[in-house]
Amino acid sequence: MRSQVELLKDIKERKVDAFEEIYHLYYSKLTIFAQSIVYQQDIAEDIVQDIIYNLWENATKQNISSSVKAYLYTAVRNNCINHLRHLKVVDNYRLKEMEAITISSSYEMIDDEELISKIKNAIEDLPEKCKQTFKMAVIQDMKYKEIAEELDLSINTIKDHIKRAYRIIREQGFDDYLKLLIIFMMK
């Protein structure tokens, strides 16, 4: 077994036996570590293999300041966290997709021009600043900061106007249809 200094030197020189040593010393331990984070054996194995492969591919560029072991464990942990973040993004996308499907199917079930007209009228009856900020936020999909800058108001004032608009619309009996509001307004 090489010392850390020798191992780091041999990695930089891309010596195959150094990488074999790393693989035999750390692969199973790193896989167990990764699995404790991602809870899936195959994903854990893929992450560890990617780390060792990237170490090989970028060996001449690597600047490992601590031990090889510390570098590998940190890289595995970071890649596991990135994997979990990616899963969260995918889950959020799927949730939004399911909401869109639910909304579109609800829209197909509620094809009532009178209801649409009432919702539009409820929005038009809002106090002027509420109506203006609500339309900018919901229909134009503007950020609160953008609305605040355009209207020369504080972000808190914008938030208050939009909360008030939602409250007024709900009070008029459109609570069940509030998610459909965007679709109706786009017509």
N, C-alpha and C. Protein backbone atom coordinates (compact mmCIF):
# COMPACT_ATOMS: atom_id res chain seq x y z
N MET A 1 0.83 -1.18 0.00
CA MET A 1 0.00 0.00 0.00
C MET A 1 0.88 1.24 0.00
N ARG A 2 0.53 2.17 -0.87
CA ARG A 2 1.31 3.40 -1.03
C ARG A 2 0.98 4.41 0.08
N SER A 3 1.91 5.32 0.29
CA SER A 3 1.62 6.45 1.18
C SER A 3 0.74 7.43 0.41
N GLN A 4 0.11 8.37 1.10
CA GLN A 4 -0.75 9.36 0.46
C GLN A 4 0.02 10.17 -0.59
N VAL A 5 1.24 10.54 -0.27
CA VAL A 5 2.06 11.33 -1.19
C VAL A 5 2.32 10.54 -2.47
N GLU A 6 2.69 9.27 -2.31
CA GLU A 6 2.95 8.42 -3.48
C GLU A 6 1.67 8.20 -4.29
N LEU A 7 0.58 7.98 -3.60
CA LEU A 7 -0.69 7.74 -4.28
C LEU A 7 -1.11 8.97 -5.08
N LEU A 8 -0.99 10.14 -4.47
CA LEU A 8 -1.34 11.38 -5.18
C LEU A 8 -0.44 11.58 -6.40
N LYS A 9 0.83 11.30 -6.26
CA LYS A 9 1.77 11.43 -7.37
C LYS A 9 1.41 10.45 -8.48
N ASP A 10 1.09 9.23 -8.13
CA ASP A 10 0.75 8.22 -9.12
C ASP A 10 -0.59 8.51 -9.80
N ILE A 11 -1.50 9.13 -9.08
CA ILE A 11 -2.77 9.53 -9.69
C ILE A 11 -2.51 10.58 -10.76
N LYS A 12 -1.71 11.59 -10.42
CA LYS A 12 -1.38 12.65 -11.39
C LYS A 12 -0.72 12.06 -12.64
N GLU A 13 0.05 11.01 -12.44
CA GLU A 13 0.73 10.37 -13.57
C GLU A 13 -0.15 9.32 -14.25
N ARG A 14 -1.37 9.15 -13.77
CA ARG A 14 -2.37 8.23 -14.31
C ARG A 14 -1.86 6.79 -14.37
N LYS A 15 -1.24 6.39 -13.30
CA LYS A 15 -0.77 5.01 -13.23
C LYS A 15 -1.95 4.10 -12.92
N VAL A 16 -2.15 3.11 -13.76
CA VAL A 16 -3.30 2.21 -13.64
C VAL A 16 -3.32 1.51 -12.29
N ASP A 17 -2.18 1.07 -11.81
CA ASP A 17 -2.16 0.35 -10.54
C ASP A 17 -2.59 1.24 -9.37
N ALA A 18 -2.40 2.56 -9.48
CA ALA A 18 -2.86 3.47 -8.42
C ALA A 18 -4.39 3.50 -8.39
N PHE A 19 -4.99 3.50 -9.56
CA PHE A 19 -6.45 3.52 -9.64
C PHE A 19 -7.04 2.16 -9.23
N GLU A 20 -6.33 1.10 -9.53
CA GLU A 20 -6.77 -0.22 -9.06
C GLU A 20 -6.73 -0.27 -7.54
N GLU A 21 -5.71 0.31 -6.98
CA GLU A 21 -5.59 0.35 -5.51
C GLU A 21 -6.75 1.17 -4.92
N ILE A 22 -7.03 2.32 -5.51
CA ILE A 22 -8.15 3.15 -5.04
C ILE A 22 -9.45 2.36 -5.12
N TYR A 23 -9.64 1.69 -6.23
CA TYR A 23 -10.87 0.92 -6.43
C TYR A 23 -11.00 -0.16 -5.36
N HIS A 24 -9.95 -0.92 -5.14
CA HIS A 24 -10.00 -2.01 -4.16
C HIS A 24 -10.12 -1.51 -2.72
N LEU A 25 -9.49 -0.38 -2.44
CA LEU A 25 -9.54 0.16 -1.08
C LEU A 25 -10.87 0.84 -0.75
N TYR A 26 -11.44 1.55 -1.72
CA TYR A 26 -12.54 2.45 -1.39
C TYR A 26 -13.88 2.14 -2.04
N TYR A 27 -13.92 1.39 -3.11
CA TYR A 27 -15.17 1.23 -3.85
C TYR A 27 -16.33 0.76 -2.98
N SER A 28 -16.16 -0.34 -2.27
CA SER A 28 -17.28 -0.89 -1.49
C SER A 28 -17.66 0.05 -0.34
N LYS A 29 -16.67 0.66 0.31
CA LYS A 29 -16.96 1.58 1.41
C LYS A 29 -17.69 2.82 0.90
N LEU A 30 -17.24 3.34 -0.23
CA LEU A 30 -17.88 4.52 -0.81
C LEU A 30 -19.30 4.20 -1.27
N THR A 31 -19.50 3.00 -1.78
CA THR A 31 -20.84 2.59 -2.23
C THR A 31 -21.79 2.50 -1.04
N ILE A 32 -21.33 1.95 0.05
CA ILE A 32 -22.16 1.88 1.26
C ILE A 32 -22.48 3.30 1.76
N PHE A 33 -21.47 4.16 1.74
CA PHE A 33 -21.66 5.55 2.15
C PHE A 33 -22.69 6.24 1.25
N ALA A 34 -22.55 6.08 -0.06
CA ALA A 34 -23.48 6.70 -1.00
C ALA A 34 -24.89 6.15 -0.81
N GLN A 35 -24.98 4.84 -0.59
CA GLN A 35 -26.29 4.22 -0.40
C GLN A 35 -26.97 4.74 0.87
N SER A 36 -26.19 5.09 1.86
CA SER A 36 -26.78 5.65 3.08
C SER A 36 -27.40 7.02 2.84
N ILE A 37 -27.04 7.65 1.73
CA ILE A 37 -27.58 8.97 1.40
C ILE A 37 -28.72 8.85 0.39
N VAL A 38 -28.52 8.06 -0.66
CA VAL A 38 -29.53 7.99 -1.74
C VAL A 38 -30.49 6.81 -1.59
N TYR A 39 -30.19 5.87 -0.72
CA TYR A 39 -31.05 4.72 -0.42
C TYR A 39 -31.30 3.79 -1.60
N GLN A 40 -30.45 3.81 -2.61
CA GLN A 40 -30.60 2.90 -3.74
C GLN A 40 -29.22 2.37 -4.14
N GLN A 41 -29.09 1.06 -4.13
CA GLN A 41 -27.81 0.43 -4.41
C GLN A 41 -27.29 0.80 -5.79
N ASP A 42 -28.14 0.68 -6.82
CA ASP A 42 -27.68 0.93 -8.19
C ASP A 42 -27.26 2.38 -8.40
N ILE A 43 -27.99 3.30 -7.81
CA ILE A 43 -27.63 4.72 -7.92
C ILE A 43 -26.32 4.97 -7.18
N ALA A 44 -26.17 4.40 -6.01
CA ALA A 44 -24.94 4.55 -5.22
C ALA A 44 -23.74 4.03 -6.01
N GLU A 45 -23.89 2.87 -6.61
CA GLU A 45 -22.80 2.30 -7.41
C GLU A 45 -22.46 3.21 -8.59
N ASP A 46 -23.47 3.73 -9.26
CA ASP A 46 -23.23 4.64 -10.39
C ASP A 46 -22.47 5.89 -9.95
N ILE A 47 -22.86 6.44 -8.82
CA ILE A 47 -22.20 7.65 -8.32
C ILE A 47 -20.73 7.38 -8.02
N VAL A 48 -20.45 6.28 -7.34
CA VAL A 48 -19.06 5.96 -6.99
C VAL A 48 -18.24 5.68 -8.25
N GLN A 49 -18.82 4.94 -9.18
CA GLN A 49 -18.11 4.67 -10.43
C GLN A 49 -17.81 5.96 -11.18
N ASP A 50 -18.78 6.88 -11.20
CA ASP A 50 -18.56 8.17 -11.86
C ASP A 50 -17.44 8.95 -11.21
N ILE A 51 -17.38 8.93 -9.89
CA ILE A 51 -16.33 9.65 -9.16
C ILE A 51 -14.96 9.09 -9.51
N ILE A 52 -14.84 7.77 -9.48
CA ILE A 52 -13.54 7.15 -9.77
C ILE A 52 -13.17 7.37 -11.24
N TYR A 53 -14.14 7.27 -12.13
CA TYR A 53 -13.90 7.51 -13.56
C TYR A 53 -13.46 8.97 -13.78
N ASN A 54 -14.15 9.91 -13.14
CA ASN A 54 -13.77 11.32 -13.30
C ASN A 54 -12.39 11.61 -12.73
N LEU A 55 -12.05 10.92 -11.65
CA LEU A 55 -10.71 11.06 -11.10
C LEU A 55 -9.67 10.60 -12.13
N TRP A 56 -9.95 9.50 -12.79
CA TRP A 56 -9.06 8.98 -13.83
C TRP A 56 -8.98 9.96 -15.01
N GLU A 57 -10.14 10.41 -15.49
CA GLU A 57 -10.19 11.30 -16.66
C GLU A 57 -9.50 12.64 -16.40
N ASN A 58 -9.62 13.14 -15.19
CA ASN A 58 -9.08 14.46 -14.87
C ASN A 58 -7.87 14.39 -13.95
N ALA A 59 -7.19 13.26 -13.96
CA ALA A 59 -6.08 13.03 -13.03
C ALA A 59 -4.99 14.10 -13.13
N THR A 60 -4.67 14.50 -14.33
CA THR A 60 -3.58 15.48 -14.49
C THR A 60 -4.01 16.87 -14.02
N LYS A 61 -5.30 17.14 -13.99
CA LYS A 61 -5.81 18.45 -13.58
C LYS A 61 -6.18 18.49 -12.10
N GLN A 62 -6.28 17.33 -11.46
CA GLN A 62 -6.71 17.26 -10.07
C GLN A 62 -5.71 17.94 -9.15
N ASN A 63 -6.25 18.64 -8.19
CA ASN A 63 -5.41 19.26 -7.18
C ASN A 63 -5.97 18.85 -5.82
N ILE A 64 -5.69 17.63 -5.44
CA ILE A 64 -6.20 17.09 -4.18
C ILE A 64 -5.28 17.57 -3.07
N SER A 65 -5.82 18.43 -2.22
CA SER A 65 -5.00 19.02 -1.17
C SER A 65 -4.99 18.19 0.10
N SER A 66 -6.04 17.41 0.32
CA SER A 66 -6.09 16.56 1.51
C SER A 66 -5.78 15.14 1.08
N SER A 67 -6.30 14.20 1.80
CA SER A 67 -6.05 12.80 1.44
C SER A 67 -6.98 12.37 0.31
N VAL A 68 -6.61 11.30 -0.36
CA VAL A 68 -7.43 10.74 -1.42
C VAL A 68 -8.76 10.30 -0.84
N LYS A 69 -8.72 9.70 0.33
CA LYS A 69 -9.93 9.22 1.00
C LYS A 69 -10.89 10.39 1.25
N ALA A 70 -10.39 11.48 1.80
CA ALA A 70 -11.23 12.65 2.08
C ALA A 70 -11.81 13.21 0.78
N TYR A 71 -10.98 13.28 -0.25
CA TYR A 71 -11.45 13.77 -1.54
C TYR A 71 -12.59 12.90 -2.07
N LEU A 72 -12.41 11.58 -2.03
CA LEU A 72 -13.42 10.67 -2.56
C LEU A 72 -14.73 10.75 -1.78
N TYR A 73 -14.64 10.76 -0.46
CA TYR A 73 -15.86 10.83 0.34
C TYR A 73 -16.59 12.16 0.12
N THR A 74 -15.85 13.24 0.01
CA THR A 74 -16.47 14.55 -0.25
C THR A 74 -17.13 14.55 -1.63
N ALA A 75 -16.44 14.02 -2.62
CA ALA A 75 -17.00 13.98 -3.98
C ALA A 75 -18.26 13.12 -4.02
N VAL A 76 -18.23 11.99 -3.36
CA VAL A 76 -19.40 11.10 -3.32
C VAL A 76 -20.57 11.81 -2.62
N ARG A 77 -20.29 12.40 -1.48
CA ARG A 77 -21.36 13.12 -0.76
C ARG A 77 -21.96 14.22 -1.63
N ASN A 78 -21.11 15.01 -2.28
CA ASN A 78 -21.61 16.10 -3.14
C ASN A 78 -22.43 15.57 -4.30
N ASN A 79 -21.98 14.51 -4.92
CA ASN A 79 -22.74 13.94 -6.04
C ASN A 79 -24.06 13.33 -5.57
N CYS A 80 -24.07 12.76 -4.39
CA CYS A 80 -25.33 12.23 -3.83
C CYS A 80 -26.31 13.38 -3.59
N ILE A 81 -25.83 14.46 -3.03
CA ILE A 81 -26.69 15.63 -2.79
C ILE A 81 -27.20 16.18 -4.11
N ASN A 82 -26.34 16.26 -5.12
CA ASN A 82 -26.78 16.73 -6.44
C ASN A 82 -27.84 15.80 -7.02
N HIS A 83 -27.67 14.51 -6.82
CA HIS A 83 -28.66 13.54 -7.30
C HIS A 83 -30.01 13.78 -6.61
N LEU A 84 -29.98 13.98 -5.30
CA LEU A 84 -31.22 14.21 -4.56
C LEU A 84 -31.88 15.53 -4.98
N ARG A 85 -31.07 16.54 -5.23
CA ARG A 85 -31.63 17.82 -5.73
C ARG A 85 -32.29 17.62 -7.08
N HIS A 86 -31.65 16.85 -7.92
CA HIS A 86 -32.23 16.57 -9.24
C HIS A 86 -33.57 15.85 -9.09
N LEU A 87 -33.63 14.89 -8.17
CA LEU A 87 -34.90 14.19 -7.93
C LEU A 87 -35.98 15.15 -7.46
N LYS A 88 -35.58 16.11 -6.64
CA LYS A 88 -36.55 17.09 -6.15
C LYS A 88 -37.08 17.94 -7.31
N VAL A 89 -36.21 18.33 -8.22
CA VAL A 89 -36.64 19.10 -9.40
C VAL A 89 -37.60 18.26 -10.24
N VAL A 90 -37.26 17.00 -10.45
CA VAL A 90 -38.12 16.10 -11.23
C VAL A 90 -39.47 15.95 -10.54
N ASP A 91 -39.46 15.77 -9.21
CA ASP A 91 -40.72 15.64 -8.46
C ASP A 91 -41.57 16.90 -8.58
N ASN A 92 -40.93 18.07 -8.47
CA ASN A 92 -41.67 19.32 -8.60
C ASN A 92 -42.26 19.46 -9.99
N TYR A 93 -41.50 19.06 -11.00
CA TYR A 93 -42.00 19.11 -12.37
C TYR A 93 -43.21 18.19 -12.52
N ARG A 94 -43.11 16.99 -11.99
CA ARG A 94 -44.23 16.03 -12.08
C ARG A 94 -45.45 16.54 -11.33
N LEU A 95 -45.23 17.18 -10.20
CA LEU A 95 -46.34 17.76 -9.44
C LEU A 95 -47.03 18.86 -10.26
N LYS A 96 -46.24 19.73 -10.86
CA LYS A 96 -46.81 20.80 -11.71
C LYS A 96 -47.55 20.19 -12.89
N GLU A 97 -47.00 19.14 -13.45
CA GLU A 97 -47.63 18.47 -14.58
C GLU A 97 -48.99 17.89 -14.15
N MET A 98 -49.02 17.26 -12.98
CA MET A 98 -50.27 16.70 -12.48
C MET A 98 -51.29 17.80 -12.19
N GLU A 99 -50.84 18.92 -11.65
CA GLU A 99 -51.74 20.04 -11.41
C GLU A 99 -52.32 20.55 -12.72
N ALA A 100 -51.47 20.64 -13.75
CA ALA A 100 -51.94 21.11 -15.06
C ALA A 100 -52.97 20.15 -15.64
N ILE A 101 -52.74 18.87 -15.48
CA ILE A 101 -53.70 17.87 -15.98
C ILE A 101 -55.01 18.00 -15.22
N THR A 102 -54.92 18.16 -13.91
CA THR A 102 -56.13 18.33 -13.09
C THR A 102 -56.89 19.58 -13.49
N ILE A 103 -56.16 20.66 -13.67
CA ILE A 103 -56.80 21.91 -14.06
C ILE A 103 -57.45 21.79 -15.43
N SER A 104 -56.73 21.20 -16.37
CA SER A 104 -57.29 21.09 -17.72
C SER A 104 -58.51 20.18 -17.73
N SER A 105 -58.49 19.10 -16.95
CA SER A 105 -59.66 18.22 -16.92
C SER A 105 -60.82 18.92 -16.21
N SER A 106 -60.52 19.73 -15.18
CA SER A 106 -61.57 20.49 -14.51
C SER A 106 -62.15 21.53 -15.46
N TYR A 107 -61.29 22.12 -16.26
CA TYR A 107 -61.74 23.13 -17.22
C TYR A 107 -62.68 22.49 -18.24
N GLU A 108 -62.35 21.28 -18.67
CA GLU A 108 -63.21 20.60 -19.64
C GLU A 108 -64.56 20.27 -19.02
N MET A 109 -64.59 19.96 -17.72
CA MET A 109 -65.84 19.63 -17.05
C MET A 109 -66.68 20.89 -16.81
N ILE A 110 -66.02 22.03 -16.63
CA ILE A 110 -66.74 23.26 -16.33
C ILE A 110 -66.63 24.17 -17.55
N ASP A 111 -67.47 23.93 -18.50
CA ASP A 111 -67.47 24.75 -19.70
C ASP A 111 -68.68 25.68 -19.62
N ASP A 112 -68.67 26.54 -18.63
CA ASP A 112 -69.81 27.38 -18.35
C ASP A 112 -69.44 28.84 -18.62
N GLU A 113 -69.95 29.37 -19.69
CA GLU A 113 -69.62 30.75 -20.06
C GLU A 113 -70.07 31.74 -18.99
N GLU A 114 -71.17 31.43 -18.31
CA GLU A 114 -71.66 32.32 -17.26
C GLU A 114 -70.65 32.39 -16.10
N LEU A 115 -70.09 31.23 -15.72
CA LEU A 115 -69.09 31.19 -14.66
C LEU A 115 -67.85 31.98 -15.06
N ILE A 116 -67.41 31.78 -16.28
CA ILE A 116 -66.24 32.51 -16.78
C ILE A 116 -66.51 34.00 -16.72
N SER A 117 -67.65 34.40 -17.15
CA SER A 117 -68.03 35.81 -17.15
C SER A 117 -68.04 36.36 -15.72
N LYS A 118 -68.59 35.59 -14.77
CA LYS A 118 -68.64 36.03 -13.38
C LYS A 118 -67.23 36.21 -12.79
N ILE A 119 -66.34 35.29 -13.12
CA ILE A 119 -64.96 35.40 -12.61
C ILE A 119 -64.28 36.63 -13.21
N LYS A 120 -64.45 36.84 -14.50
CA LYS A 120 -63.87 38.03 -15.14
C LYS A 120 -64.44 39.30 -14.51
N ASN A 121 -65.74 39.30 -14.25
CA ASN A 121 -66.37 40.47 -13.62
C ASN A 121 -65.85 40.68 -12.21
N ALA A 122 -65.64 39.58 -11.48
CA ALA A 122 -65.10 39.69 -10.12
C ALA A 122 -63.72 40.34 -10.15
N ILE A 123 -62.95 39.99 -11.13
CA ILE A 123 -61.61 40.59 -11.26
C ILE A 123 -61.73 42.06 -11.65
N GLU A 124 -62.61 42.34 -12.59
CA GLU A 124 -62.79 43.73 -13.04
C GLU A 124 -63.34 44.61 -11.93
N ASP A 125 -64.08 44.04 -10.97
CA ASP A 125 -64.66 44.80 -9.88
C ASP A 125 -63.67 45.05 -8.74
N LEU A 126 -62.49 44.47 -8.83
CA LEU A 126 -61.49 44.70 -7.79
C LEU A 126 -61.10 46.17 -7.75
N PRO A 127 -60.66 46.65 -6.58
CA PRO A 127 -60.12 48.01 -6.54
C PRO A 127 -58.98 48.13 -7.57
N GLU A 128 -58.82 49.31 -8.14
CA GLU A 128 -57.94 49.51 -9.29
C GLU A 128 -56.52 48.97 -9.09
N LYS A 129 -55.87 49.31 -7.99
CA LYS A 129 -54.49 48.84 -7.76
C LYS A 129 -54.44 47.33 -7.57
N CYS A 130 -55.44 46.76 -6.88
CA CYS A 130 -55.51 45.31 -6.71
C CYS A 130 -55.64 44.65 -8.08
N LYS A 131 -56.54 45.15 -8.88
CA LYS A 131 -56.78 44.58 -10.20
C LYS A 131 -55.52 44.67 -11.05
N GLN A 132 -54.89 45.82 -11.05
CA GLN A 132 -53.69 46.03 -11.85
C GLN A 132 -52.56 45.08 -11.44
N THR A 133 -52.27 45.02 -10.13
CA THR A 133 -51.18 44.15 -9.67
C THR A 133 -51.54 42.68 -9.85
N PHE A 134 -52.81 42.33 -9.63
CA PHE A 134 -53.25 40.94 -9.79
C PHE A 134 -53.07 40.48 -11.24
N LYS A 135 -53.49 41.31 -12.18
CA LYS A 135 -53.34 40.95 -13.59
C LYS A 135 -51.87 40.85 -13.99
N MET A 136 -51.06 41.75 -13.47
CA MET A 136 -49.63 41.72 -13.79
C MET A 136 -48.99 40.43 -13.25
N ALA A 137 -49.39 40.05 -12.05
CA ALA A 137 -48.79 38.86 -11.42
C ALA A 137 -49.33 37.58 -12.03
N VAL A 138 -50.65 37.49 -12.21
CA VAL A 138 -51.27 36.24 -12.64
C VAL A 138 -51.24 36.08 -14.15
N ILE A 139 -51.67 37.09 -14.87
CA ILE A 139 -51.79 36.95 -16.33
C ILE A 139 -50.46 37.17 -17.03
N GLN A 140 -49.75 38.23 -16.62
CA GLN A 140 -48.48 38.53 -17.27
C GLN A 140 -47.32 37.77 -16.64
N ASP A 141 -47.59 37.07 -15.54
CA ASP A 141 -46.59 36.24 -14.85
C ASP A 141 -45.34 37.04 -14.47
N MET A 142 -45.57 38.25 -14.01
CA MET A 142 -44.46 39.10 -13.58
C MET A 142 -44.11 38.81 -12.13
N LYS A 143 -42.87 38.98 -11.80
CA LYS A 143 -42.40 38.83 -10.42
C LYS A 143 -42.83 40.06 -9.63
N TYR A 144 -42.98 39.88 -8.31
CA TYR A 144 -43.39 41.00 -7.46
C TYR A 144 -42.42 42.17 -7.59
N LYS A 145 -41.14 41.86 -7.67
CA LYS A 145 -40.13 42.91 -7.78
C LYS A 145 -40.33 43.71 -9.07
N GLU A 146 -40.61 43.03 -10.16
CA GLU A 146 -40.83 43.72 -11.44
C GLU A 146 -42.07 44.62 -11.37
N ILE A 147 -43.12 44.10 -10.76
CA ILE A 147 -44.34 44.90 -10.62
C ILE A 147 -44.07 46.13 -9.77
N ALA A 148 -43.36 45.91 -8.65
CA ALA A 148 -43.05 47.02 -7.75
C ALA A 148 -42.25 48.11 -8.47
N GLU A 149 -41.29 47.71 -9.28
CA GLU A 149 -40.49 48.68 -10.01
C GLU A 149 -41.33 49.42 -11.05
N GLU A 150 -42.16 48.68 -11.76
CA GLU A 150 -42.98 49.30 -12.81
C GLU A 150 -44.01 50.27 -12.23
N LEU A 151 -44.58 49.91 -11.09
CA LEU A 151 -45.62 50.76 -10.50
C LEU A 151 -45.07 51.72 -9.45
N ASP A 152 -43.77 51.64 -9.21
CA ASP A 152 -43.12 52.48 -8.23
C ASP A 152 -43.76 52.32 -6.84
N LEU A 153 -43.94 51.06 -6.45
CA LEU A 153 -44.49 50.70 -5.14
C LEU A 153 -43.54 49.72 -4.47
N SER A 154 -43.71 49.55 -3.16
CA SER A 154 -42.87 48.58 -2.46
C SER A 154 -43.37 47.16 -2.75
N ILE A 155 -42.49 46.20 -2.59
CA ILE A 155 -42.85 44.79 -2.80
C ILE A 155 -43.94 44.38 -1.81
N ASN A 156 -43.86 44.87 -0.57
CA ASN A 156 -44.89 44.54 0.43
C ASN A 156 -46.26 45.08 0.02
N THR A 157 -46.28 46.25 -0.60
CA THR A 157 -47.55 46.81 -1.08
C THR A 157 -48.11 45.93 -2.19
N ILE A 158 -47.25 45.46 -3.07
CA ILE A 158 -47.68 44.57 -4.16
C ILE A 158 -48.27 43.29 -3.57
N LYS A 159 -47.56 42.70 -2.59
CA LYS A 159 -48.04 41.48 -1.94
C LYS A 159 -49.41 41.71 -1.30
N ASP A 160 -49.56 42.85 -0.64
CA ASP A 160 -50.84 43.17 0.01
C ASP A 160 -51.96 43.29 -1.02
N HIS A 161 -51.69 43.96 -2.14
CA HIS A 161 -52.72 44.09 -3.19
C HIS A 161 -53.14 42.73 -3.73
N ILE A 162 -52.18 41.86 -3.96
CA ILE A 162 -52.49 40.55 -4.54
C ILE A 162 -53.23 39.68 -3.52
N LYS A 163 -52.80 39.70 -2.26
CA LYS A 163 -53.53 38.97 -1.22
C LYS A 163 -54.97 39.45 -1.12
N ARG A 164 -55.13 40.76 -1.17
CA ARG A 164 -56.46 41.35 -1.08
C ARG A 164 -57.32 40.91 -2.27
N ALA A 165 -56.73 40.89 -3.46
CA ALA A 165 -57.47 40.46 -4.66
C ALA A 165 -57.93 39.02 -4.51
N TYR A 166 -57.04 38.13 -4.07
CA TYR A 166 -57.42 36.73 -3.88
C TYR A 166 -58.52 36.60 -2.83
N ARG A 167 -58.39 37.35 -1.74
CA ARG A 167 -59.40 37.30 -0.68
C ARG A 167 -60.77 37.74 -1.21
N ILE A 168 -60.80 38.84 -1.95
CA ILE A 168 -62.07 39.36 -2.49
C ILE A 168 -62.70 38.35 -3.44
N ILE A 169 -61.88 37.75 -4.30
CA ILE A 169 -62.41 36.78 -5.26
C ILE A 169 -62.94 35.55 -4.53
N ARG A 170 -62.22 35.09 -3.51
CA ARG A 170 -62.70 33.94 -2.74
C ARG A 170 -64.02 34.25 -2.04
N GLU A 171 -64.11 35.45 -1.51
CA GLU A 171 -65.33 35.85 -0.80
C GLU A 171 -66.55 35.87 -1.72
N GLN A 172 -66.30 35.99 -3.02
CA GLN A 172 -67.41 36.01 -3.98
C GLN A 172 -67.81 34.60 -4.41
N GLY A 173 -67.24 33.61 -3.76
CA GLY A 173 -67.66 32.23 -4.00
C GLY A 173 -66.88 31.50 -5.08
N PHE A 174 -65.73 31.99 -5.45
CA PHE A 174 -64.95 31.34 -6.51
C PHE A 174 -63.76 30.57 -5.96
N ASP A 175 -63.79 30.21 -4.69
CA ASP A 175 -62.67 29.52 -4.06
C ASP A 175 -62.33 28.21 -4.78
N ASP A 176 -63.33 27.42 -5.15
CA ASP A 176 -63.07 26.15 -5.83
C ASP A 176 -62.49 26.34 -7.22
N TYR A 177 -62.72 27.50 -7.79
CA TYR A 177 -62.31 27.72 -9.18
C TYR A 177 -61.08 28.61 -9.28
N LEU A 178 -60.49 28.96 -8.16
CA LEU A 178 -59.37 29.89 -8.19
C LEU A 178 -58.20 29.37 -9.01
N LYS A 179 -57.93 28.08 -8.95
CA LYS A 179 -56.84 27.52 -9.76
C LYS A 179 -57.16 27.60 -11.25
N LEU A 180 -58.43 27.59 -11.58
CA LEU A 180 -58.83 27.69 -12.98
C LEU A 180 -58.80 29.13 -13.48
N LEU A 181 -58.64 30.03 -12.56
CA LEU A 181 -58.68 31.45 -12.88
C LEU A 181 -57.73 31.83 -14.00
N ILE A 182 -56.55 31.32 -13.95
CA ILE A 182 -55.55 31.64 -14.96
C ILE A 182 -56.03 31.21 -16.35
N ILE A 183 -56.58 30.02 -16.43
CA ILE A 183 -57.08 29.55 -17.71
C ILE A 183 -58.20 30.45 -18.22
N PHE A 184 -59.12 30.82 -17.33
CA PHE A 184 -60.24 31.65 -17.73
C PHE A 184 -59.76 33.02 -18.20
N MET A 185 -58.78 33.56 -17.50
CA MET A 185 -58.28 34.89 -17.85
C MET A 185 -57.51 34.89 -19.16
N MET A 186 -56.97 33.77 -19.53
CA MET A 186 -56.20 33.68 -20.78
C MET A 186 -57.09 33.63 -22.00
N LYS A 187 -58.38 33.36 -21.80
CA LYS A 187 -59.31 33.27 -22.93
C LYS A 187 -59.47 34.59 -23.62
